[in-house]
Protein backbone atom coordinates (compact mmCIF):
# COMPACT_ATOMS: atom_id res chain seq x y z
CA UNK A 1 62.30 219.06 199.77
CA UNK A 2 61.12 215.53 199.93
CA UNK A 3 57.94 213.75 201.13
CA UNK A 4 59.69 212.93 204.54
CA UNK A 5 60.04 216.94 205.01
CA UNK A 6 56.50 217.18 203.86
CA UNK A 7 54.88 214.72 206.02
CA UNK A 8 56.73 215.89 209.34
CA UNK A 9 55.39 219.38 208.36
CA UNK A 10 51.78 218.33 207.94
CA UNK A 11 52.34 216.16 211.48
CA UNK A 12 53.52 219.21 213.07
CA UNK A 13 50.49 221.44 212.07
CA UNK A 14 48.05 218.48 212.85
CA UNK A 15 49.76 218.03 215.98
CA UNK A 16 49.40 222.15 216.89
CA UNK A 17 45.86 222.31 215.91
CA UNK A 18 44.47 219.49 217.95
CA UNK A 19 46.47 220.81 221.18
CA UNK A 20 44.88 224.44 220.44
CA UNK A 21 41.68 223.09 219.92
CA UNK A 22 42.07 220.57 223.24
CA UNK A 23 43.60 223.82 224.97
CA UNK A 24 40.33 225.72 223.68
CA UNK A 25 37.89 223.43 225.49
CA UNK A 26 40.14 222.74 228.22
CA UNK A 27 40.73 226.30 229.16
CA UNK A 28 37.38 226.55 231.65
CA UNK A 29 38.31 223.63 233.25
CA UNK A 30 41.96 224.34 234.06
CA UNK A 31 40.86 228.13 235.44
CA UNK A 32 38.45 226.28 237.65
CA UNK A 33 41.10 223.67 239.02
CA UNK A 34 43.56 226.93 239.18
CA UNK A 35 41.05 228.73 241.04
CA UNK A 36 40.36 225.85 243.35
CA UNK A 37 44.16 225.21 244.14
CA UNK A 38 44.63 229.47 244.71
CA UNK A 39 41.69 228.86 247.18
CA UNK A 40 43.05 226.06 249.10
CA UNK A 41 46.28 227.75 249.09
CA UNK A 42 45.92 231.25 249.78
């Protein structure tokens, strides 16, 4: 396993962690937007 593979692994891990944190923070807003959309189009 070379440095390139290790770099890809690290970048992938950071990307997944950042995505998870962003989703956690955005989740209430997404639910609110979804509820508005569902209410507007029953």
